[in-house]
Amino acid sequence: MTMISKIYGHARQRDGEELKRDGWKAGILAVSVSDHRLSRSEREAIREIGERLYGGAHGPRP
């Protein structure tokens, strides 16, 4: 017999966009520098902020 915690009985997996929306409501921005919804200048600004806060470039350059 497998025991499953009731804590996780109603849990569901959320998609990435839903997690990002919920984070934004809490004051956290999660965005990819390759997000096609952003302009070139917006992607560059995000990349610069990420590098300043966290160091070195990661992922593709816009």
Protein backbone atom coordinates (compact mmCIF):
# COMPACT_ATOMS: atom_id res chain seq x y z
CA MET A 1 0.00 0.00 0.00
CA THR A 2 1.38 3.40 -1.00
CA MET A 3 0.83 6.28 1.38
CA ILE A 4 0.41 9.75 -0.08
CA SER A 5 0.40 12.82 2.11
CA LYS A 6 -2.91 14.67 2.19
CA ILE A 7 -0.91 17.89 1.94
CA TYR A 8 -0.22 17.12 -1.71
CA GLY A 9 -3.59 15.58 -2.48
CA HIS A 10 -4.95 18.73 -4.10
CA ALA A 11 -1.66 20.12 -5.40
CA ARG A 12 -1.36 20.74 -9.10
CA GLN A 13 1.56 21.57 -11.30
CA ARG A 14 1.53 25.16 -12.51
CA ASP A 15 2.98 26.28 -15.82
CA GLY A 16 5.87 28.74 -16.05
CA GLU A 17 3.73 31.69 -17.14
CA GLU A 18 1.39 31.22 -14.18
CA LEU A 19 4.35 31.11 -11.79
CA LYS A 20 5.76 34.31 -13.33
CA ARG A 21 2.38 36.09 -13.03
CA ASP A 22 2.06 35.07 -9.38
CA GLY A 23 5.63 36.19 -8.73
CA TRP A 24 4.95 39.57 -10.32
CA LYS A 25 1.95 40.05 -8.01
CA ALA A 26 4.38 39.49 -5.13
CA GLY A 27 6.87 42.02 -6.55
CA ILE A 28 9.19 39.54 -8.29
CA LEU A 29 9.92 39.74 -12.01
CA ALA A 30 10.99 36.57 -13.83
CA VAL A 31 11.66 37.13 -17.52
CA SER A 32 13.84 35.56 -20.17
CA VAL A 33 16.15 37.81 -22.16
CA SER A 34 14.97 35.89 -25.21
CA ASP A 35 11.25 36.55 -24.61
CA HIS A 36 9.84 37.50 -28.04
CA ARG A 37 7.30 39.84 -26.42
CA LEU A 38 10.08 42.24 -25.44
CA SER A 39 11.70 44.77 -27.74
CA ARG A 40 15.43 44.60 -28.39
CA SER A 41 16.06 47.50 -25.99
CA GLU A 42 13.93 45.87 -23.27
CA ARG A 43 15.85 42.58 -23.62
CA GLU A 44 19.14 44.46 -23.43
CA ALA A 45 18.02 46.32 -20.28
CA ILE A 46 16.98 43.03 -18.64
CA ARG A 47 20.33 41.46 -19.56
CA GLU A 48 22.25 44.42 -18.12
CA ILE A 49 20.28 44.33 -14.87
CA GLY A 50 20.80 40.56 -14.54
CA GLU A 51 24.52 40.88 -15.13
CA ARG A 52 24.83 43.71 -12.62
CA LEU A 53 22.93 41.80 -9.93
CA TYR A 54 24.14 38.27 -10.61
CA GLY A 55 27.30 38.56 -12.72
CA GLY A 56 28.29 37.08 -16.09
CA ALA A 57 26.03 36.68 -19.07
CA HIS A 58 23.88 33.57 -19.26
CA GLY A 59 21.72 32.47 -22.14
CA PRO A 60 21.51 33.95 -25.61
CA ARG A 61 22.21 37.59 -26.26
CA PRO A 62 19.31 39.47 -27.83
